[in-house]
Amino acid sequence: MEVRVDETGAVISVRLLVKVQPECAESALNAARACRFSPALAADGQPVASTLAIAVEL
């Protein structure tokens, strides 16, 4: 799953990288959308948007 996170740690987009059963896909996407992350930090220590690859076992 690919999760894009903004500089505040909020999820701005989620997409599955492999096909799974529709019921599982929707549950996984909804769970990721509900998460809150610590933002990535730039070299100067400022929060920045980032993209994460997350493995989910369904």
C-alpha atoms as a PDB file:
ATOM      1  CA  MET A   1       0.000   0.000   0.000  1.00  0.00           C
ATOM      2  CA  GLU A   2       1.236   3.493  -0.779  1.00  0.00           C
ATOM      3  CA  VAL A   3       0.305   6.227   1.681  1.00  0.00           C
ATOM      4  CA  ARG A   4       0.973   9.912   1.051  1.00  0.00           C
ATOM      5  CA  VAL A   5       1.288  11.996   4.217  1.00  0.00           C
ATOM      6  CA  ASP A   6       1.344  15.785   4.431  1.00  0.00           C
ATOM      7  CA  GLU A   7       3.633  17.879   6.601  1.00  0.00           C
ATOM      8  CA  THR A   8       1.208  17.667   9.536  1.00  0.00           C
ATOM      9  CA  GLY A   9       1.117  13.846   9.492  1.00  0.00           C
ATOM     10  CA  ALA A  10      -2.373  13.635   7.965  1.00  0.00           C
ATOM     11  CA  VAL A  11      -3.026  11.053   5.243  1.00  0.00           C
ATOM     12  CA  ILE A  12      -3.734  12.776   1.930  1.00  0.00           C
ATOM     13  CA  SER A  13      -4.000   9.719  -0.330  1.00  0.00           C
ATOM     14  CA  VAL A  14      -3.861   5.941  -0.194  1.00  0.00           C
ATOM     15  CA  ARG A  15      -3.629   3.325  -2.940  1.00  0.00           C
ATOM     16  CA  LEU A  16      -3.078  -0.392  -3.084  1.00  0.00           C
ATOM     17  CA  LEU A  17      -0.079  -1.577  -5.071  1.00  0.00           C
ATOM     18  CA  VAL A  18      -1.451  -5.092  -5.686  1.00  0.00           C
ATOM     19  CA  LYS A  19      -4.931  -6.429  -6.382  1.00  0.00           C
ATOM     20  CA  VAL A  20      -6.843  -8.014  -3.505  1.00  0.00           C
ATOM     21  CA  GLN A  21     -10.462  -8.950  -2.912  1.00  0.00           C
ATOM     22  CA  PRO A  22     -12.662  -5.827  -2.985  1.00  0.00           C
ATOM     23  CA  GLU A  23     -13.874  -6.290   0.621  1.00  0.00           C
ATOM     24  CA  CYS A  24     -10.298  -6.522   1.887  1.00  0.00           C
ATOM     25  CA  ALA A  25      -9.174  -3.606  -0.261  1.00  0.00           C
ATOM     26  CA  GLU A  26     -11.840  -1.274   1.097  1.00  0.00           C
ATOM     27  CA  SER A  27     -11.084  -2.236   4.704  1.00  0.00           C
ATOM     28  CA  ALA A  28      -7.345  -1.717   4.241  1.00  0.00           C
ATOM     29  CA  LEU A  29      -7.828   1.648   2.529  1.00  0.00           C
ATOM     30  CA  ASN A  30     -10.230   2.873   5.220  1.00  0.00           C
ATOM     31  CA  ALA A  31      -7.872   1.791   8.004  1.00  0.00           C
ATOM     32  CA  ALA A  32      -4.961   3.648   6.395  1.00  0.00           C
ATOM     33  CA  ARG A  33      -7.056   6.785   5.874  1.00  0.00           C
ATOM     34  CA  ALA A  34      -7.919   6.795   9.589  1.00  0.00           C
ATOM     35  CA  CYS A  35      -4.254   6.726  10.673  1.00  0.00           C
ATOM     36  CA  ARG A  36      -2.179   9.677  11.763  1.00  0.00           C
ATOM     37  CA  PHE A  37       1.574   9.666  11.195  1.00  0.00           C
ATOM     38  CA  SER A  38       4.554  11.619  12.446  1.00  0.00           C
ATOM     39  CA  PRO A  39       5.682  13.709   9.494  1.00  0.00           C
ATOM     40  CA  ALA A  40       9.025  13.153   7.818  1.00  0.00           C
ATOM     41  CA  LEU A  41      11.664  15.761   8.602  1.00  0.00           C
ATOM     42  CA  ALA A  42      13.852  17.624   6.133  1.00  0.00           C
ATOM     43  CA  ALA A  43      17.576  18.037   6.768  1.00  0.00           C
ATOM     44  CA  ASP A  44      16.841  21.334   8.549  1.00  0.00           C
ATOM     45  CA  GLY A  45      14.374  19.607  10.900  1.00  0.00           C
ATOM     46  CA  GLN A  46      11.234  21.040   9.304  1.00  0.00           C
ATOM     47  CA  PRO A  47       8.293  18.650   8.668  1.00  0.00           C
ATOM     48  CA  VAL A  48       7.722  17.732   5.023  1.00  0.00           C
ATOM     49  CA  ALA A  49       5.199  15.697   3.036  1.00  0.00           C
ATOM     50  CA  SER A  50       6.268  12.137   2.204  1.00  0.00           C
ATOM     51  CA  THR A  51       5.180   8.879   0.618  1.00  0.00           C
ATOM     52  CA  LEU A  52       5.299   5.608   2.555  1.00  0.00           C
ATOM     53  CA  ALA A  53       5.136   2.022   1.353  1.00  0.00           C
ATOM     54  CA  ILE A  54       3.363  -0.090   3.971  1.00  0.00           C
ATOM     55  CA  ALA A  55       3.095  -3.871   3.837  1.00  0.00           C
ATOM     56  CA  VAL A  56      -0.320  -5.158   4.885  1.00  0.00           C
ATOM     57  CA  GLU A  57      -1.036  -8.858   5.266  1.00  0.00           C
ATOM     58  CA  LEU A  58      -4.655  -9.634   4.336  1.00  0.00           C
END
